[in-house]
Amino acid sequence: MNYDLLLVGPPVPPASLAKALTLAVRTEGVDVDVADRDSDQSGRHWAAPVLCGYIVPRRG
């Protein structure tokens, strides 16, 4: 399954997002991968059952 989540307001730290996703899907924290979509993707845990890519909007 794929889900999209849109958060409006102040940026949520990646660790907080990972913790919230861990609680939401009831899995262990090591099974959640959260990373900036525009960062180096080589260090991601692609086998994790929960993958989350986020984008921090750039203000102009």
C-alpha atoms as a PDB file:
ATOM      1  CA  MET A   1       0.000   0.000   0.000  1.00  0.00           C
ATOM      2  CA  ASN A   2       1.069   3.557  -0.638  1.00  0.00           C
ATOM      3  CA  TYR A   3      -0.048   6.569   1.322  1.00  0.00           C
ATOM      4  CA  ASP A   4       0.620  10.262   0.920  1.00  0.00           C
ATOM      5  CA  LEU A   5       0.815  12.470   3.976  1.00  0.00           C
ATOM      6  CA  LEU A   6       0.775  16.257   3.745  1.00  0.00           C
ATOM      7  CA  LEU A   7       1.804  18.159   6.851  1.00  0.00           C
ATOM      8  CA  VAL A   8       1.173  21.889   7.019  1.00  0.00           C
ATOM      9  CA  GLY A   9       2.908  24.069   9.568  1.00  0.00           C
ATOM     10  CA  PRO A  10       6.393  24.133  11.002  1.00  0.00           C
ATOM     11  CA  PRO A  11       8.759  21.431   9.704  1.00  0.00           C
ATOM     12  CA  VAL A  12       8.649  18.132  11.610  1.00  0.00           C
ATOM     13  CA  PRO A  13      12.095  16.737  12.493  1.00  0.00           C
ATOM     14  CA  PRO A  14      12.827  13.419  10.691  1.00  0.00           C
ATOM     15  CA  ALA A  15      13.252  11.569  14.015  1.00  0.00           C
ATOM     16  CA  SER A  16       9.785  12.711  15.146  1.00  0.00           C
ATOM     17  CA  LEU A  17       8.292  11.677  11.825  1.00  0.00           C
ATOM     18  CA  ALA A  18       9.932   8.237  12.085  1.00  0.00           C
ATOM     19  CA  LYS A  19       8.598   7.809  15.630  1.00  0.00           C
ATOM     20  CA  ALA A  20       5.069   8.784  14.568  1.00  0.00           C
ATOM     21  CA  LEU A  21       5.174   6.364  11.632  1.00  0.00           C
ATOM     22  CA  THR A  22       6.478   3.608  13.907  1.00  0.00           C
ATOM     23  CA  LEU A  23       3.523   4.110  16.252  1.00  0.00           C
ATOM     24  CA  ALA A  24       1.029   4.423  13.392  1.00  0.00           C
ATOM     25  CA  VAL A  25       1.962   1.135  11.731  1.00  0.00           C
ATOM     26  CA  ARG A  26       3.031  -0.666  14.913  1.00  0.00           C
ATOM     27  CA  THR A  27       6.484  -1.710  13.714  1.00  0.00           C
ATOM     28  CA  GLU A  28       9.951  -1.458  15.224  1.00  0.00           C
ATOM     29  CA  GLY A  29      11.829   1.820  14.745  1.00  0.00           C
ATOM     30  CA  VAL A  30      14.582   0.121  12.751  1.00  0.00           C
ATOM     31  CA  ASP A  31      11.973  -0.824  10.145  1.00  0.00           C
ATOM     32  CA  VAL A  32      11.169   2.796   9.324  1.00  0.00           C
ATOM     33  CA  ASP A  33      13.350   4.719   6.879  1.00  0.00           C
ATOM     34  CA  VAL A  34      12.864   8.501   6.713  1.00  0.00           C
ATOM     35  CA  ALA A  35      15.046  10.627   4.437  1.00  0.00           C
ATOM     36  CA  ASP A  36      15.036  13.892   2.555  1.00  0.00           C
ATOM     37  CA  ARG A  37      14.004  13.068  -0.987  1.00  0.00           C
ATOM     38  CA  ASP A  38      16.698  15.385  -2.357  1.00  0.00           C
ATOM     39  CA  SER A  39      19.564  13.939  -0.275  1.00  0.00           C
ATOM     40  CA  ASP A  40      21.985  11.104  -1.095  1.00  0.00           C
ATOM     41  CA  GLN A  41      19.789   8.003  -1.431  1.00  0.00           C
ATOM     42  CA  SER A  42      22.610   5.450  -1.176  1.00  0.00           C
ATOM     43  CA  GLY A  43      22.382   5.217   2.618  1.00  0.00           C
ATOM     44  CA  ARG A  44      18.656   4.454   2.733  1.00  0.00           C
ATOM     45  CA  HIS A  45      17.307   1.213   4.168  1.00  0.00           C
ATOM     46  CA  TRP A  46      15.351   0.184   1.067  1.00  0.00           C
ATOM     47  CA  ALA A  47      14.292  -3.155   2.613  1.00  0.00           C
ATOM     48  CA  ALA A  48      12.410  -1.401   5.434  1.00  0.00           C
ATOM     49  CA  PRO A  49       8.667  -2.027   5.315  1.00  0.00           C
ATOM     50  CA  VAL A  50       8.035   1.691   5.901  1.00  0.00           C
ATOM     51  CA  LEU A  51       9.799   4.145   3.592  1.00  0.00           C
ATOM     52  CA  CYS A  52       9.213   7.871   3.871  1.00  0.00           C
ATOM     53  CA  GLY A  53      10.680  10.531   1.646  1.00  0.00           C
ATOM     54  CA  TYR A  54      10.062  14.109   2.655  1.00  0.00           C
ATOM     55  CA  ILE A  55      10.479  17.485   1.019  1.00  0.00           C
ATOM     56  CA  VAL A  56      11.182  20.689   2.909  1.00  0.00           C
ATOM     57  CA  PRO A  57       9.740  23.536   0.838  1.00  0.00           C
ATOM     58  CA  ARG A  58      12.222  26.235   0.001  1.00  0.00           C
ATOM     59  CA  ARG A  59      10.911  29.683   0.751  1.00  0.00           C
ATOM     60  CA  GLY A  60      11.643  32.307  -1.847  1.00  0.00           C
END
